[in-house]
Amino acid sequence: MANITFDGENRVINISDADDVDPIEVYSRWKEWAMKVDNLKWPPAMKSTGGDPLPAGFSLSSTIIVLNGWNIKTNNAYFSGENNIIHENGRKYHYNY
């Protein structure tokens, strides 16, 4: 399991001890972190979109958008899975396909 930590003061999400991480895991961990103590004093780090149903039983994959000057630092971990994670400036994070 990835070690995911959040530094609200510097707006950094640190991911370590993992080769690949599902963006949904990062988003879920951020939501848990945000609800602890007084972490809601920091601007939101992310928002999600997607999951909408499409014809023929398909659905739009989820996309996590990193917001408000937050950045992700990894120790060479890649994002994996069907979900996307992008920065609000349009930069897509590294994926391991």
Protein backbone atom coordinates (compact mmCIF):
# COMPACT_ATOMS: atom_id res chain seq x y z
CA MET A 1 0.00 0.00 0.00
CA ALA A 2 1.27 3.44 -0.89
CA ASN A 3 2.30 5.90 1.79
CA ILE A 4 0.30 9.04 0.94
CA THR A 5 0.76 12.19 3.06
CA PHE A 6 -0.55 15.71 2.73
CA ASP A 7 1.23 18.98 3.56
CA GLY A 8 -1.46 21.66 3.59
CA GLU A 9 0.89 24.55 4.34
CA ASN A 10 3.03 23.81 1.27
CA ARG A 11 0.17 22.28 -0.77
CA VAL A 12 2.05 19.08 -1.50
CA ILE A 13 0.77 15.52 -1.75
CA ASN A 14 3.64 13.08 -1.16
CA ILE A 15 3.39 9.52 -2.46
CA SER A 16 6.06 6.99 -1.51
CA ASP A 17 6.60 3.27 -1.01
CA ALA A 18 4.69 2.31 -4.15
CA ASP A 19 5.43 1.57 -7.79
CA ASP A 20 1.93 2.43 -8.93
CA VAL A 21 -1.11 4.07 -7.37
CA ASP A 22 -4.74 4.34 -8.44
CA PRO A 23 -5.80 8.02 -8.57
CA ILE A 24 -9.00 7.11 -6.70
CA GLU A 25 -6.88 5.92 -3.77
CA VAL A 26 -5.14 9.31 -3.62
CA TYR A 27 -8.49 11.13 -3.77
CA SER A 28 -10.00 8.91 -1.05
CA ARG A 29 -7.02 9.43 1.23
CA TRP A 30 -7.22 13.20 0.70
CA LYS A 31 -10.90 13.21 1.71
CA GLU A 32 -10.02 11.30 4.90
CA TRP A 33 -7.14 13.69 5.65
CA ALA A 34 -9.28 16.78 5.01
CA MET A 35 -11.84 15.73 7.61
CA LYS A 36 -9.24 15.35 10.39
CA VAL A 37 -8.48 18.01 12.98
CA ASP A 38 -8.43 21.39 11.21
CA ASN A 39 -7.27 20.35 7.73
CA LEU A 40 -10.28 21.99 6.09
CA LYS A 41 -8.53 25.31 6.68
CA TRP A 42 -6.44 24.51 3.58
CA PRO A 43 -7.85 25.01 0.08
CA PRO A 44 -9.25 21.84 -1.49
CA ALA A 45 -6.53 19.74 -3.11
CA MET A 46 -8.76 17.88 -5.56
CA LYS A 47 -12.12 17.40 -7.13
CA SER A 48 -13.52 14.48 -9.09
CA THR A 49 -15.64 14.13 -12.16
CA GLY A 50 -16.78 11.22 -14.31
CA GLY A 51 -18.43 7.92 -13.61
CA ASP A 52 -21.38 8.98 -15.71
CA PRO A 53 -23.19 6.18 -17.54
CA LEU A 54 -22.78 5.97 -21.30
CA PRO A 55 -24.76 3.95 -23.86
CA ALA A 56 -24.24 0.18 -24.18
CA GLY A 57 -23.43 -0.26 -20.49
CA PHE A 58 -20.22 1.77 -20.57
CA SER A 59 -19.34 4.55 -18.17
CA LEU A 60 -17.05 7.56 -18.32
CA SER A 61 -13.88 6.89 -16.34
CA SER A 62 -13.31 9.01 -13.26
CA THR A 63 -10.92 11.94 -13.44
CA ILE A 64 -9.28 13.53 -10.42
CA ILE A 65 -8.26 17.17 -10.88
CA VAL A 66 -5.53 18.61 -8.64
CA LEU A 67 -6.51 22.18 -7.66
CA ASN A 68 -5.51 25.39 -5.90
CA GLY A 69 -1.76 25.20 -6.37
CA TRP A 70 -1.45 21.71 -4.87
CA ASN A 71 1.15 19.43 -6.46
CA ILE A 72 1.96 15.74 -6.27
CA LYS A 73 5.47 14.51 -5.52
CA THR A 74 6.30 10.84 -5.94
CA ASN A 75 9.37 8.66 -5.63
CA ASN A 76 8.96 7.56 -9.26
CA ALA A 77 5.54 6.02 -8.65
CA TYR A 78 3.18 5.87 -11.58
CA PHE A 79 -0.59 6.08 -11.64
CA SER A 80 -2.41 3.02 -12.87
CA GLY A 81 -5.92 1.84 -13.59
CA GLU A 82 -8.73 3.20 -15.71
CA ASN A 83 -9.01 6.48 -13.81
CA ASN A 84 -7.20 9.72 -14.65
CA ILE A 85 -5.43 12.33 -12.57
CA ILE A 86 -4.53 15.72 -14.03
CA HIS A 87 -3.43 19.10 -12.72
CA GLU A 88 -5.80 22.04 -13.16
CA ASN A 89 -3.27 23.52 -15.61
CA GLY A 90 -3.85 20.51 -17.88
CA ARG A 91 -0.66 18.58 -17.06
CA LYS A 92 -1.28 14.87 -16.87
CA TYR A 93 0.67 12.91 -14.29
CA HIS A 94 2.80 9.89 -15.27
CA TYR A 95 0.98 6.68 -16.01
CA ASN A 96 2.23 3.12 -16.16
CA TYR A 97 0.26 1.50 -18.99
